[in-house]
Amino acid sequence: MVPKVWFGLFLGLLIGCAEQKPVVKGRVTLDGNPVESGMVQFFPEDNKNPSGKPGKIENGTYTAVGVPVGKMRIVINAPIVVGKKKASDLPESPMIDEMKESIPDKYNTNSTLFRDIEPGVNVFDFELTTK
């Protein structure tokens, strides 16, 4: 009887490991140049909350773990520093970076990017343009 219990536990562990959420990875370029830093996020097609952890863009590549299977809307952001400004009107207020989004709206706030996420590893390269 004990071997059957162990076999059942072992089988349960194998099935549990096989049901890991997909991994999504790839490259992100803007006008042919790698995007240095930013974020790739995945939203269900109905535009509700993001699903899974976003993929951090580093030197033109990203990896996102825990994205659910299904059709997802992709949102890509890559803010850049365009200057410095005071945090408030107080004299002792520190200077903070002034940021601007470098990626056009058609890839983030008005994203038209959709991908079907499947089990396992998914590779999606995004070759974005400013035109």
Protein backbone atom coordinates (compact mmCIF):
# COMPACT_ATOMS: atom_id res chain seq x y z
CA MET A 1 0.00 0.00 0.00
CA VAL A 2 2.84 2.42 0.81
CA PRO A 3 4.41 2.17 -2.68
CA LYS A 4 1.08 3.25 -4.25
CA VAL A 5 1.04 6.34 -2.01
CA TRP A 6 4.59 7.26 -3.02
CA PHE A 7 3.79 6.66 -6.67
CA GLY A 8 0.75 8.95 -6.38
CA LEU A 9 2.82 11.70 -4.76
CA PHE A 10 5.52 11.35 -7.41
CA LEU A 11 2.95 11.51 -10.21
CA GLY A 12 1.37 14.60 -8.61
CA LEU A 13 4.75 16.34 -8.50
CA LEU A 14 5.38 15.57 -12.17
CA ILE A 15 2.00 16.94 -13.22
CA GLY A 16 2.45 20.05 -11.06
CA CYS A 17 5.82 20.79 -12.66
CA ALA A 18 4.37 20.35 -16.15
CA GLU A 19 1.71 22.99 -15.53
CA GLN A 20 4.09 25.94 -15.20
CA LYS A 21 2.95 29.18 -16.83
CA PRO A 22 4.48 30.14 -20.16
CA VAL A 23 7.63 32.18 -20.61
CA VAL A 24 7.64 34.95 -23.21
CA LYS A 25 10.93 36.39 -24.44
CA GLY A 26 12.44 38.20 -27.37
CA ARG A 27 14.02 41.36 -28.69
CA VAL A 28 12.68 44.93 -28.81
CA THR A 29 14.03 47.45 -31.30
CA LEU A 30 12.95 50.98 -32.21
CA ASP A 31 13.83 52.08 -35.75
CA GLY A 32 16.34 49.23 -35.92
CA ASN A 33 18.12 50.07 -32.64
CA PRO A 34 17.83 47.94 -29.48
CA VAL A 35 15.64 49.51 -26.79
CA GLU A 36 18.03 49.93 -23.85
CA SER A 37 15.52 49.71 -21.00
CA GLY A 38 11.80 49.54 -20.48
CA MET A 39 8.94 47.13 -19.94
CA VAL A 40 6.84 44.68 -21.98
CA GLN A 41 3.44 44.01 -20.38
CA PHE A 42 0.73 41.51 -21.28
CA PHE A 43 -2.99 42.30 -20.88
CA PRO A 44 -5.91 39.99 -21.57
CA GLU A 45 -7.73 40.85 -24.77
CA ASP A 46 -10.52 42.50 -22.71
CA ASN A 47 -7.97 45.14 -21.49
CA LYS A 48 -8.33 44.38 -17.79
CA ASN A 49 -5.44 43.97 -15.35
CA PRO A 50 -2.01 42.90 -16.61
CA SER A 51 -1.39 39.18 -16.53
CA GLY A 52 1.79 37.74 -15.14
CA LYS A 53 4.94 39.65 -14.44
CA PRO A 54 6.00 42.21 -17.04
CA GLY A 55 9.19 41.57 -18.96
CA LYS A 56 11.94 44.04 -18.17
CA ILE A 57 13.76 45.24 -21.29
CA GLU A 58 17.53 45.28 -20.86
CA ASN A 59 19.85 45.98 -23.79
CA GLY A 60 17.13 45.16 -26.32
CA THR A 61 15.93 41.85 -24.85
CA TYR A 62 13.15 40.91 -22.43
CA THR A 63 11.82 37.85 -20.61
CA ALA A 64 8.38 37.64 -18.96
CA VAL A 65 7.47 34.70 -16.71
CA GLY A 66 3.96 33.72 -15.66
CA VAL A 67 2.02 35.07 -18.63
CA PRO A 68 -1.22 33.08 -19.00
CA VAL A 69 -2.12 31.16 -22.13
CA GLY A 70 -4.46 33.04 -24.48
CA LYS A 71 -4.67 36.11 -26.67
CA MET A 72 -2.87 39.05 -25.05
CA ARG A 73 -2.56 42.74 -25.87
CA ILE A 74 1.08 43.84 -25.66
CA VAL A 75 2.07 47.19 -24.12
CA ILE A 76 5.67 48.38 -24.49
CA ASN A 77 7.09 51.34 -22.56
CA ALA A 78 10.59 52.79 -22.55
CA PRO A 79 10.73 56.16 -20.77
CA ILE A 80 13.89 58.24 -21.23
CA VAL A 81 15.33 61.16 -19.26
CA VAL A 82 14.86 64.50 -21.06
CA GLY A 83 15.97 66.85 -18.28
CA LYS A 84 15.73 67.64 -14.59
CA LYS A 85 13.13 69.55 -12.59
CA LYS A 86 12.39 70.35 -8.96
CA ALA A 87 10.17 67.87 -7.18
CA SER A 88 8.13 70.75 -5.69
CA ASP A 89 8.22 74.53 -5.18
CA LEU A 90 9.95 74.22 -1.80
CA PRO A 91 13.53 75.59 -1.75
CA GLU A 92 14.95 72.35 -0.32
CA SER A 93 13.14 70.23 -2.90
CA PRO A 94 15.45 67.79 -4.72
CA MET A 95 15.91 67.74 -8.46
CA ILE A 96 14.28 64.77 -10.16
CA ASP A 97 14.59 63.38 -13.66
CA GLU A 98 12.01 64.58 -16.15
CA MET A 99 10.90 61.59 -18.22
CA LYS A 100 9.34 61.21 -21.66
CA GLU A 101 8.01 58.06 -23.35
CA SER A 102 10.28 57.11 -26.26
CA ILE A 103 7.92 54.48 -27.70
CA PRO A 104 5.00 55.73 -29.88
CA ASP A 105 1.45 55.46 -28.48
CA LYS A 106 0.52 52.78 -31.03
CA TYR A 107 2.67 50.35 -28.98
CA ASN A 108 1.50 51.35 -25.48
CA THR A 109 -1.50 53.58 -24.63
CA ASN A 110 -3.14 52.76 -28.00
CA SER A 111 -1.44 49.41 -28.54
CA THR A 112 -2.48 47.39 -31.56
CA LEU A 113 -0.04 44.58 -30.74
CA PHE A 114 -1.65 41.20 -29.99
CA ARG A 115 -0.07 37.78 -29.59
CA ASP A 116 -1.40 34.32 -28.80
CA ILE A 117 0.48 32.93 -25.81
CA GLU A 118 0.89 29.15 -25.82
CA PRO A 119 2.24 26.76 -23.16
CA GLY A 120 6.02 26.59 -22.96
CA VAL A 121 8.47 29.17 -24.29
CA ASN A 122 7.13 31.83 -26.66
CA VAL A 123 9.53 34.03 -28.63
CA PHE A 124 8.20 37.35 -29.91
CA ASP A 125 10.50 40.01 -31.36
CA PHE A 126 9.06 43.52 -31.61
CA GLU A 127 10.54 45.69 -34.37
CA LEU A 128 8.94 49.04 -33.57
CA THR A 129 9.07 52.19 -35.70
CA THR A 130 8.48 55.86 -34.96
CA LYS A 131 6.69 56.33 -38.30
